[in-house]
C-alpha cells in the first residue's frame, strides 16, 4: 500500500465494504470547543484519499448542525462513501441544553425525515439508534427502522450502546449491520457480553472513542486543560484525582510506542484494530479529528502489529481506570448488563 490507503472490512453480513477505520465527525463543529471549518473540510478530504469511507455523525450533534456541515462533502463524494447518522436524543423545545431519549415509532419517522433533509440525500446508508429508551420495546423501534429500509430511506441498521440481549432481540426483527460502542484501552466492558453476541450474529463492531476522547493521545492531562465549551470537562475520568491516576496509566503505552517509534495514540488505535483478530469479528474504530495530519497518523496505525508481550503489557490498564466514562452510566450497555 504505497499510497497509504487503508484496507477494508464489511459492515455486517450483507453490508458494504468500508475502510477498516472510519471517521468520527462530531468534533468538527460540536462538543470539543472552537473549531476551524476549513481545517475540518480538509480533514474530510484527506481521510477519503486515505481510504476512510465510513463517516459518522448524529442528529444530536449541534442540534443537526453537524449533519448540515457534512452535507456538501457527502454530496460531492456520494458514491465513494458511507453515511452513518443516528436518532434518539431529542431536544426539548423549552430547554435546548437537555437531551431526552426517544425510540417511539412516530419520533423515529420524524427524525429520519429531518436527517435526510439536513444531509440533503435520498437515503442514509447506516442508521443507528443512538441510545436505548427502555420504556419502548426494542422490537417496536427496530420494526419501524426496518420499515424505513423497505421504504428506501435507509439501507442498513445499527444500534449504539445496547446490551447483548437487546442486540439479539433487535436482530431477530431485522439484520443489524453494526453495533457502535465505546471500546478502547480504557473502556473494555463490552468484551464480556456485547462483543461475543455481535460475533455470533455477524454484526460489525464500530468502536467509538478508541482514543479515550483524546486522553490516550496524551494531548491533555486534565479537564482543566480544555476549553470551557468542551463537554469532556464534565466527564468523571478527566477531572481531579481521576485524571491524575489515569494519566499514570499511559506509561506502558508510551513504552510500547517508543519501541515502535510511533505516537501513543497510534498504539491505542493499533490495539483497537487488533481486537478484530483477537475476538473474531470485524472491528472498525472511528477516531475523531479535525486535522489532516492527525487523520494521516491515525490511518497509519492500521499497519502496526503489536506482539503478544506488548498486548499483555497493555491488558491490565482498563481495570485500573478511575471514574466512569459518563456521569450517568444508565444510558450505556454497561449500565444495563
Protein backbone atom coordinates (compact mmCIF):
# COMPACT_ATOMS: atom_id res chain seq x y z
CA UNK A 1 0.00 0.00 0.00
CA UNK A 2 2.46 2.59 -1.18
CA UNK A 3 -0.31 5.18 -1.45
CA UNK A 4 -1.07 4.86 2.26
CA UNK A 5 -4.66 3.73 1.72
CA UNK A 6 -6.13 1.51 4.39
CA UNK A 7 -7.67 -1.92 3.87
CA UNK A 8 -11.40 -2.62 4.11
CA UNK A 9 -13.87 -4.54 6.25
CA UNK A 10 -17.55 -5.35 5.86
CA UNK A 11 -20.46 -3.85 7.76
CA UNK A 12 -22.44 -6.91 8.83
CA UNK A 13 -23.06 -9.95 6.68
CA UNK A 14 -24.87 -8.03 3.95
CA UNK A 15 -23.49 -4.51 4.28
CA UNK A 16 -20.97 -2.55 2.23
CA UNK A 17 -17.19 -2.76 2.35
CA UNK A 18 -15.77 0.26 4.14
CA UNK A 19 -12.33 1.39 5.19
CA UNK A 20 -11.17 -0.55 8.24
CA UNK A 21 -11.00 2.79 10.06
CA UNK A 22 -13.82 5.31 9.94
CA UNK A 23 -14.00 8.96 10.94
CA UNK A 24 -15.98 10.30 13.89
CA UNK A 25 -17.21 13.69 12.74
CA UNK A 26 -18.87 15.07 15.87
CA UNK A 27 -15.97 17.30 16.92
CA UNK A 28 -15.73 19.08 13.59
CA UNK A 29 -18.21 21.68 14.77
CA UNK A 30 -19.58 20.41 18.07
CA UNK A 31 -18.56 19.19 21.51
CA UNK A 32 -14.84 19.88 21.63
CA UNK A 33 -14.72 23.66 21.70
CA UNK A 34 -13.83 26.09 18.88
CA UNK A 35 -13.02 24.56 15.51
CA UNK A 36 -11.68 25.64 12.12
CA UNK A 37 -14.19 24.83 9.39
CA UNK A 38 -11.60 24.90 6.62
CA UNK A 39 -9.31 22.51 8.51
CA UNK A 40 -12.25 20.20 9.17
CA UNK A 41 -13.15 20.15 5.46
CA UNK A 42 -9.53 19.41 4.56
CA UNK A 43 -9.58 16.56 7.08
CA UNK A 44 -12.65 15.04 5.43
CA UNK A 45 -10.98 15.15 2.02
CA UNK A 46 -7.68 13.73 3.27
CA UNK A 47 -9.47 10.91 5.06
CA UNK A 48 -11.20 9.89 1.84
CA UNK A 49 -7.88 9.94 -0.04
CA UNK A 50 -6.51 7.51 2.56
CA UNK A 51 -9.38 5.06 2.15
CA UNK A 52 -11.60 6.19 5.03
CA UNK A 53 -15.13 5.70 3.72
CA UNK A 54 -17.33 5.42 6.85
CA UNK A 55 -18.27 8.87 8.16
CA UNK A 56 -20.13 9.03 11.47
CA UNK A 57 -22.46 11.80 12.63
CA UNK A 58 -25.77 12.16 14.52
CA UNK A 59 -28.76 14.47 14.59
CA UNK A 60 -27.92 15.38 18.21
CA UNK A 61 -24.50 16.81 17.34
CA UNK A 62 -25.12 20.54 17.45
CA UNK A 63 -28.87 20.03 17.05
CA UNK A 64 -28.39 18.97 13.43
CA UNK A 65 -25.59 21.41 12.60
CA UNK A 66 -23.04 18.59 12.23
CA UNK A 67 -25.18 16.91 9.58
CA UNK A 68 -25.56 20.23 7.76
CA UNK A 69 -21.82 20.86 7.89
CA UNK A 70 -21.05 17.45 6.39
CA UNK A 71 -23.70 17.61 3.67
CA UNK A 72 -21.61 19.34 0.93
CA UNK A 73 -18.78 16.83 1.37
CA UNK A 74 -21.19 13.91 1.28
CA UNK A 75 -22.90 15.20 -1.85
CA UNK A 76 -19.59 15.77 -3.64
CA UNK A 77 -18.48 12.18 -2.97
CA UNK A 78 -21.81 10.38 -2.65
CA UNK A 79 -20.78 7.19 -4.45
CA UNK A 80 -17.44 6.92 -2.65
CA UNK A 81 -18.51 6.87 0.98
CA UNK A 82 -20.94 5.51 3.55
CA UNK A 83 -23.01 7.95 5.61
CA UNK A 84 -23.82 6.89 9.16
CA UNK A 85 -26.10 9.02 11.31
CA UNK A 86 -28.23 8.43 14.40
CA UNK A 87 -31.52 9.26 16.09
CA UNK A 88 -32.86 9.04 19.68
CA UNK A 89 -31.56 12.11 21.53
CA UNK A 90 -34.48 14.53 21.29
CA UNK A 91 -34.06 18.19 22.25
CA UNK A 92 -36.98 19.61 24.28
CA UNK A 93 -38.19 22.95 22.81
CA UNK A 94 -38.18 24.57 26.24
CA UNK A 95 -34.60 23.57 27.11
CA UNK A 96 -32.09 23.21 24.24
CA UNK A 97 -29.37 22.08 26.68
CA UNK A 98 -31.22 18.85 27.54
CA UNK A 99 -31.46 15.55 25.66
CA UNK A 100 -34.40 13.17 26.06
CA UNK A 101 -34.10 9.62 24.74
CA UNK A 102 -36.91 8.68 22.37
CA UNK A 103 -37.28 5.40 20.48
CA UNK A 104 -41.02 5.56 19.72
CA UNK A 105 -42.06 4.99 16.08
CA UNK A 106 -43.51 8.49 15.44
CA UNK A 107 -40.30 10.08 16.64
CA UNK A 108 -38.14 7.75 14.53
CA UNK A 109 -40.06 8.75 11.42
CA UNK A 110 -39.79 12.42 12.30
CA UNK A 111 -36.06 12.08 12.94
CA UNK A 112 -35.20 10.27 9.71
CA UNK A 113 -37.01 12.85 7.58
CA UNK A 114 -35.16 15.66 9.35
CA UNK A 115 -31.79 13.97 8.88
CA UNK A 116 -32.45 13.27 5.20
CA UNK A 117 -33.27 16.94 4.72
CA UNK A 118 -30.22 18.24 6.59
CA UNK A 119 -27.89 15.80 4.84
CA UNK A 120 -29.65 16.55 1.52
CA UNK A 121 -29.56 12.91 0.42
CA UNK A 122 -32.22 10.43 -0.70
CA UNK A 123 -31.08 7.57 1.53
CA UNK A 124 -29.00 7.09 4.69
CA UNK A 125 -26.51 4.23 4.37
CA UNK A 126 -26.35 3.26 8.05
CA UNK A 127 -29.00 4.47 10.51
CA UNK A 128 -28.31 3.96 14.21
CA UNK A 129 -30.47 4.05 17.29
CA UNK A 130 -28.19 6.35 19.29
CA UNK A 131 -29.38 5.40 22.77
CA UNK A 132 -31.93 2.97 24.16
CA UNK A 133 -35.25 4.01 25.71
CA UNK A 134 -36.06 1.03 27.92
CA UNK A 135 -39.73 2.08 28.05
CA UNK A 136 -40.18 1.24 24.36
CA UNK A 137 -39.81 -2.42 23.31
CA UNK A 138 -36.74 -2.67 21.12
CA UNK A 139 -38.70 -4.89 18.72
CA UNK A 140 -41.10 -1.99 18.16
CA UNK A 141 -38.32 0.50 17.48
CA UNK A 142 -36.37 -1.80 15.16
CA UNK A 143 -39.62 -2.76 13.43
CA UNK A 144 -40.07 0.90 12.48
CA UNK A 145 -36.43 1.15 11.40
CA UNK A 146 -36.96 -1.93 9.22
CA UNK A 147 -39.90 -0.17 7.56
CA UNK A 148 -37.53 2.67 6.65
CA UNK A 149 -35.31 0.12 4.89
CA UNK A 150 -38.26 -1.26 2.92
CA UNK A 151 -39.29 2.29 2.01
CA UNK A 152 -35.81 3.04 0.64
CA UNK A 153 -34.99 5.77 3.15
CA UNK A 154 -32.32 3.73 4.92
CA UNK A 155 -30.03 0.96 3.65
CA UNK A 156 -28.68 -0.69 6.81
CA UNK A 157 -29.48 -0.59 10.52
CA UNK A 158 -27.23 -0.01 13.51
CA UNK A 159 -27.55 0.23 17.28
CA UNK A 160 -25.42 2.13 19.76
CA UNK A 161 -24.75 1.22 23.40
CA UNK A 162 -27.07 -1.82 23.51
CA UNK A 163 -26.71 -4.92 25.65
CA UNK A 164 -26.19 -8.39 24.23
CA UNK A 165 -29.81 -9.27 24.96
CA UNK A 166 -31.06 -6.12 23.22
CA UNK A 167 -28.89 -6.89 20.20
CA UNK A 168 -30.29 -10.42 19.93
CA UNK A 169 -33.86 -9.12 20.22
CA UNK A 170 -33.26 -6.46 17.57
CA UNK A 171 -31.50 -8.80 15.18
CA UNK A 172 -34.47 -11.17 15.32
CA UNK A 173 -36.63 -8.38 13.86
CA UNK A 174 -34.21 -7.17 11.17
CA UNK A 175 -30.50 -7.79 10.47
CA UNK A 176 -28.28 -5.35 12.35
CA UNK A 177 -25.19 -4.36 10.38
CA UNK A 178 -23.26 -2.62 13.15
CA UNK A 179 -23.20 -2.05 16.87
CA UNK A 180 -21.44 1.10 17.99
CA UNK A 181 -19.98 1.16 21.49
CA UNK A 182 -17.10 2.80 23.29
CA UNK A 183 -14.10 0.46 23.11
CA UNK A 184 -10.52 1.37 23.93
CA UNK A 185 -7.63 0.57 26.23
CA UNK A 186 -9.60 2.49 28.88
CA UNK A 187 -13.09 1.06 28.16
CA UNK A 188 -13.48 -2.68 27.71
CA UNK A 189 -16.80 -3.55 29.35
CA UNK A 190 -18.37 -4.66 26.06
CA UNK A 191 -15.95 -7.57 25.74
CA UNK A 192 -17.89 -9.65 28.28
CA UNK A 193 -21.25 -9.89 26.51
CA UNK A 194 -21.72 -7.47 23.61
CA UNK A 195 -18.70 -8.48 21.55
CA UNK A 196 -19.47 -12.24 21.70
CA UNK A 197 -23.10 -11.51 20.72
CA UNK A 198 -22.01 -9.37 17.77
CA UNK A 199 -19.59 -12.08 16.64
CA UNK A 200 -22.27 -14.78 16.84
CA UNK A 201 -24.76 -12.69 14.88
CA UNK A 202 -22.35 -11.49 12.19
CA UNK A 203 -22.52 -7.87 13.34
CA UNK A 204 -19.61 -5.47 12.90
CA UNK A 205 -18.40 -3.63 15.99
CA UNK A 206 -17.83 0.08 15.39
CA UNK A 207 -15.61 1.36 18.21
CA UNK A 208 -16.21 4.98 19.13
CA UNK A 209 -13.76 6.97 21.26
CA UNK A 210 -10.93 4.47 20.62
CA UNK A 211 -8.53 7.19 21.77
CA UNK A 212 -10.35 7.70 25.05
CA UNK A 213 -11.74 11.03 23.82
CA UNK A 214 -8.17 12.18 23.23
CA UNK A 215 -6.80 11.25 26.65
CA UNK A 216 -4.98 8.23 25.18
CA UNK A 217 -3.03 10.54 22.87
CA UNK A 218 -1.57 12.45 25.80
CA UNK A 219 -2.87 15.68 24.29
CA UNK A 220 -4.36 16.79 27.60
CA UNK A 221 -3.76 15.76 31.20
CA UNK A 222 -6.88 17.08 32.93
CA UNK A 223 -10.22 18.62 32.03
CA UNK A 224 -8.86 21.98 33.14
CA UNK A 225 -6.61 21.91 30.05
CA UNK A 226 -9.69 22.02 27.82
CA UNK A 227 -11.76 24.98 26.64
CA UNK A 228 -14.81 26.00 28.64
CA UNK A 229 -17.03 24.74 25.79
CA UNK A 230 -15.54 21.25 25.78
CA UNK A 231 -18.02 18.64 27.05
CA UNK A 232 -15.17 16.49 28.36
CA UNK A 233 -14.91 18.90 31.29
CA UNK A 234 -17.97 17.11 32.73
CA UNK A 235 -16.67 13.56 32.27
CA UNK A 236 -15.51 11.86 35.51
CA UNK A 237 -12.35 10.33 34.08
CA UNK A 238 -10.80 13.67 33.21
CA UNK A 239 -11.33 15.57 36.46
CA UNK A 240 -9.48 15.84 39.75
CA UNK A 241 -7.75 12.81 41.22
CA UNK A 242 -9.20 10.59 38.48
CA UNK A 243 -7.28 12.49 35.80
CA UNK A 244 -4.05 12.18 37.76
CA UNK A 245 -4.50 8.45 38.31
CA UNK A 246 -5.44 7.82 34.70
CA UNK A 247 -2.51 9.83 33.40
CA UNK A 248 -0.14 7.40 35.11
CA UNK A 249 -1.77 4.56 33.15
CA UNK A 250 -0.32 5.92 29.90
CA UNK A 251 3.20 4.85 30.86
CA UNK A 252 3.05 1.28 29.44
CA UNK A 253 1.51 2.68 26.25
CA UNK A 254 4.39 5.13 25.96
CA UNK A 255 6.83 2.26 26.42
CA UNK A 256 5.28 0.32 23.53
CA UNK A 257 5.10 3.46 21.40
CA UNK A 258 8.81 4.11 21.87
CA UNK A 259 9.63 0.55 20.84
CA UNK A 260 7.73 1.04 17.57
CA UNK A 261 8.85 4.61 17.01
CA UNK A 262 5.27 5.85 16.85
CA UNK A 263 2.91 8.01 18.92
CA UNK A 264 0.98 6.93 21.99
CA UNK A 265 -2.28 7.44 20.11
CA UNK A 266 -1.16 5.14 17.32
CA UNK A 267 -0.55 2.33 19.80
CA UNK A 268 -4.02 2.85 21.27
CA UNK A 269 -5.51 2.62 17.79
CA UNK A 270 -3.36 -0.37 16.82
CA UNK A 271 -4.69 -2.12 19.93
CA UNK A 272 -8.27 -1.35 18.89
CA UNK A 273 -7.69 -2.68 15.38
CA UNK A 274 -6.09 -5.84 16.71
CA UNK A 275 -9.25 -6.70 18.63
CA UNK A 276 -10.71 -7.86 15.33
CA UNK A 277 -8.40 -10.87 15.11
CA UNK A 278 -8.44 -11.45 18.87
CA UNK A 279 -12.24 -11.60 19.08
CA UNK A 280 -13.07 -12.92 15.64
CA UNK A 281 -15.28 -10.17 14.21
CA UNK A 282 -14.85 -7.03 12.10
CA UNK A 283 -13.89 -4.04 14.26
CA UNK A 284 -13.91 -0.54 12.79
CA UNK A 285 -12.61 2.20 15.11
CA UNK A 286 -13.88 5.70 14.32
CA UNK A 287 -11.42 8.14 15.90
CA UNK A 288 -12.39 11.77 15.53
CA UNK A 289 -10.05 14.52 14.44
CA UNK A 290 -10.15 17.95 12.83
CA UNK A 291 -6.65 17.96 11.34
CA UNK A 292 -5.41 16.28 8.13
CA UNK A 293 -2.11 15.42 9.82
CA UNK A 294 -3.95 13.55 12.56
CA UNK A 295 -6.01 11.50 10.13
CA UNK A 296 -2.74 10.52 8.43
CA UNK A 297 -1.33 9.46 11.79
CA UNK A 298 -4.49 7.58 12.72
CA UNK A 299 -4.76 5.62 9.49
CA UNK A 300 -1.06 4.70 9.68
CA UNK A 301 -1.90 2.91 12.93
CA UNK A 302 -3.79 0.28 10.93
CA UNK A 303 -0.41 -1.09 9.83
CA UNK A 304 1.07 -1.50 13.32
CA UNK A 305 1.02 -5.03 14.73
CA UNK A 306 1.51 -5.48 18.47
CA UNK A 307 3.28 -8.55 19.82
CA UNK A 308 1.73 -10.89 22.37
CA UNK A 309 4.07 -9.48 25.01
CA UNK A 310 3.00 -5.92 24.17
CA UNK A 311 -0.66 -6.87 24.33
CA UNK A 312 -0.05 -8.50 27.71
CA UNK A 313 1.61 -5.31 28.94
CA UNK A 314 -1.39 -3.23 27.90
CA UNK A 315 -4.04 -5.68 29.07
CA UNK A 316 -4.28 -4.57 32.76
CA UNK A 317 -4.83 -0.88 32.00
CA UNK A 318 -8.63 -0.84 31.72
CA UNK A 319 -9.16 -2.47 35.11
CA UNK A 320 -7.20 0.36 36.77
CA UNK A 321 -9.04 3.29 35.18
CA UNK A 322 -10.51 5.72 37.72
CA UNK A 323 -14.01 7.06 37.09
CA UNK A 324 -16.84 6.06 34.78
CA UNK A 325 -16.87 7.07 31.13
CA UNK A 326 -20.11 9.02 31.71
CA UNK A 327 -21.52 10.67 34.81
CA UNK A 328 -24.71 8.65 34.24
CA UNK A 329 -23.98 5.13 33.04
CA UNK A 330 -27.67 4.17 32.81
CA UNK A 331 -27.63 5.12 29.13
CA UNK A 332 -24.80 2.73 28.27
CA UNK A 333 -24.84 -1.01 27.68
CA UNK A 334 -22.65 -1.47 30.78
CA UNK A 335 -25.27 0.29 32.88
CA UNK A 336 -27.92 -2.26 31.85
CA UNK A 337 -25.99 -5.52 31.51
